[in-house]
Protein backbone atom coordinates (compact mmCIF):
# COMPACT_ATOMS: atom_id res chain seq x y z
CA VAL A 1 16.43 14.03 17.44
CA SER A 2 17.60 17.01 19.41
CA THR A 3 19.23 20.37 18.94
CA GLN A 4 22.89 21.03 19.58
CA SER A 5 23.27 22.38 23.10
CA THR A 6 26.46 23.72 24.57
CA GLY A 7 27.43 24.00 28.19
CA SER A 8 26.85 21.69 31.09
CA SER A 9 23.10 22.35 31.18
CA GLY A 10 22.79 21.26 27.52
CA ILE A 11 24.83 18.14 28.21
CA ASN A 12 22.71 17.32 31.25
CA ALA A 13 19.54 17.92 29.24
CA GLU A 14 20.64 15.55 26.46
CA TYR A 15 21.64 12.92 29.00
CA GLY A 16 18.30 13.31 30.79
CA ARG A 17 16.40 12.92 27.51
CA GLY A 18 18.42 9.81 26.72
CA GLN A 19 17.63 8.35 30.13
CA ALA A 20 13.93 9.15 29.73
CA ALA A 21 13.90 7.42 26.36
CA GLU A 22 15.61 4.38 27.94
CA VAL A 23 12.99 4.20 30.69
CA SER A 24 10.22 4.23 28.08
CA GLN A 25 12.20 1.61 26.11
CA ASP A 26 12.40 3.89 23.08
CA TRP A 27 15.85 2.63 22.20
CA GLU A 28 16.21 4.44 18.87
CA ASP A 29 15.47 7.85 20.39
CA ALA A 30 17.79 7.12 23.31
CA ILE A 31 20.61 6.32 20.89
CA GLY A 32 19.92 9.60 19.09
CA TYR A 33 20.08 11.63 22.31
CA PHE A 34 23.29 9.98 23.43
CA LYS A 35 24.82 10.52 19.97
CA ALA A 36 23.91 14.20 20.21
CA LEU A 37 25.63 14.23 23.59
CA LEU A 38 28.76 12.70 22.05
CA GLU A 39 28.77 15.39 19.35
CA VAL A 40 29.04 18.02 22.07
CA ASP A 41 31.40 16.05 24.34
CA THR A 42 33.34 13.46 22.30
CA LYS A 43 35.12 12.05 25.36
CA ASN A 44 31.95 11.23 27.27
CA THR A 45 32.39 7.52 27.99
CA ILE A 46 29.09 7.30 29.82
CA ALA A 47 27.20 8.34 26.68
CA ALA A 48 29.24 5.89 24.56
CA ASN A 49 28.42 3.06 26.99
CA ARG A 50 24.72 4.03 27.00
CA ILE A 51 24.73 3.88 23.17
CA LYS A 52 26.20 0.36 23.30
CA PHE A 53 23.61 -0.66 25.89
CA CYS A 54 20.71 0.80 23.88
CA ARG A 55 21.94 -0.88 20.69
CA SER A 56 22.07 -4.27 22.43
CA LYS A 57 18.54 -3.73 23.82
CA LEU A 58 17.29 -2.66 20.38
CA THR A 59 18.82 -5.76 18.77
CA ALA A 60 17.23 -8.00 21.41
CA PHE A 61 13.87 -6.25 20.98
CA LYS A 62 13.91 -6.71 17.20
CA ALA A 63 14.90 -10.38 17.56
CA ALA A 64 12.04 -10.96 20.02
CA GLU A 65 9.56 -9.28 17.67
CA LYS A 66 10.79 -11.31 14.74
CA LYS A 67 10.38 -14.49 16.76
CA ARG A 68 6.94 -13.43 17.99
CA TYR A 69 5.57 -12.76 14.51
CA ALA A 70 7.45 -15.49 12.64
CA ASN A 71 4.94 -18.20 13.50
CA MET A 72 1.86 -16.01 13.52
CA PHE A 73 0.35 -17.53 10.40
CA ALA A 74 1.58 -21.05 11.09
CA ARG A 75 -0.65 -21.20 14.18
CA THR A 76 -3.81 -20.18 12.38
CA ASN A 77 -6.21 -22.71 10.94
CA PHE A 78 -5.91 -21.60 7.35
CA LYS A 79 -6.57 -24.48 4.99
CA GLU A 80 -5.57 -24.88 1.40
CA PRO A 81 -8.49 -24.30 -0.96
CA GLU A 82 -10.19 -27.50 -2.00
CA GLU A 83 -10.31 -28.54 -5.63
CA PRO A 84 -13.59 -27.70 -7.33
CA PRO A 85 -15.83 -30.66 -8.17
CA LYS A 86 -15.23 -32.27 -11.55
CA ASP A 87 -18.93 -32.09 -12.55
CA SER A 88 -19.37 -28.83 -14.44
CA ASN A 89 -23.07 -28.62 -13.56
CA LEU A 90 -22.26 -28.30 -9.89
CA ASN A 91 -20.38 -25.07 -10.54
CA LYS A 92 -23.36 -23.44 -12.22
CA PRO A 93 -25.78 -21.57 -9.98
CA ASP A 94 -29.30 -22.98 -9.69
CA PHE A 95 -31.79 -20.20 -10.33
CA SER A 96 -34.78 -22.46 -10.66
CA ASP A 97 -37.62 -22.18 -8.22
CA GLY A 98 -38.50 -25.85 -8.48
CA GLU A 99 -41.41 -25.34 -10.92
CA GLU A 100 -39.47 -26.77 -13.83
CA GLU A 101 -38.92 -30.01 -11.96
CA GLU A 102 -42.65 -30.24 -11.25
CA GLU A 103 -43.44 -29.66 -14.96
CA GLU A 104 -40.91 -32.33 -15.96
CA ASN A 105 -42.46 -34.79 -13.52
CA GLU A 106 -45.93 -34.03 -14.91
CA ASN A 107 -44.67 -34.49 -18.49
CA GLU A 108 -43.11 -37.82 -17.58
CA SER A 109 -46.34 -39.05 -16.04
CA VAL A 110 -48.31 -37.97 -19.13
CA VAL A 111 -45.84 -39.81 -21.37
CA ARG A 112 -46.15 -42.93 -19.21
CA GLU A 113 -49.93 -42.77 -19.38
CA GLU A 114 -49.83 -42.50 -23.17
CA MET A 115 -47.47 -45.44 -23.39
CA GLU A 116 -49.78 -47.55 -21.26
CA VAL A 117 -52.77 -46.80 -23.46
């Protein structure tokens, strides 16, 4: 996350970056900056405490996100797909323009007329 800096100005810079990351709630970066600070000054209890704090905030943030998105799909109105109708003719597309039905009706009337005669 950062470069190794020596001297008090480097330590102050790492601490300042860690604080800035905390303010922006970028907990992972803040932990990285404070870890870099501990690499330079292993006895820095402030940095160790800030790492603990950032880890607890990161854990809480992840738990809140998990809770927020856990029920996302349960609240939607998704329905199970319905079973298709049992009649196979209903599944076939109807490409007729209605003329065939008219011809069938005419043929039926002609047949009726012939039967009556």
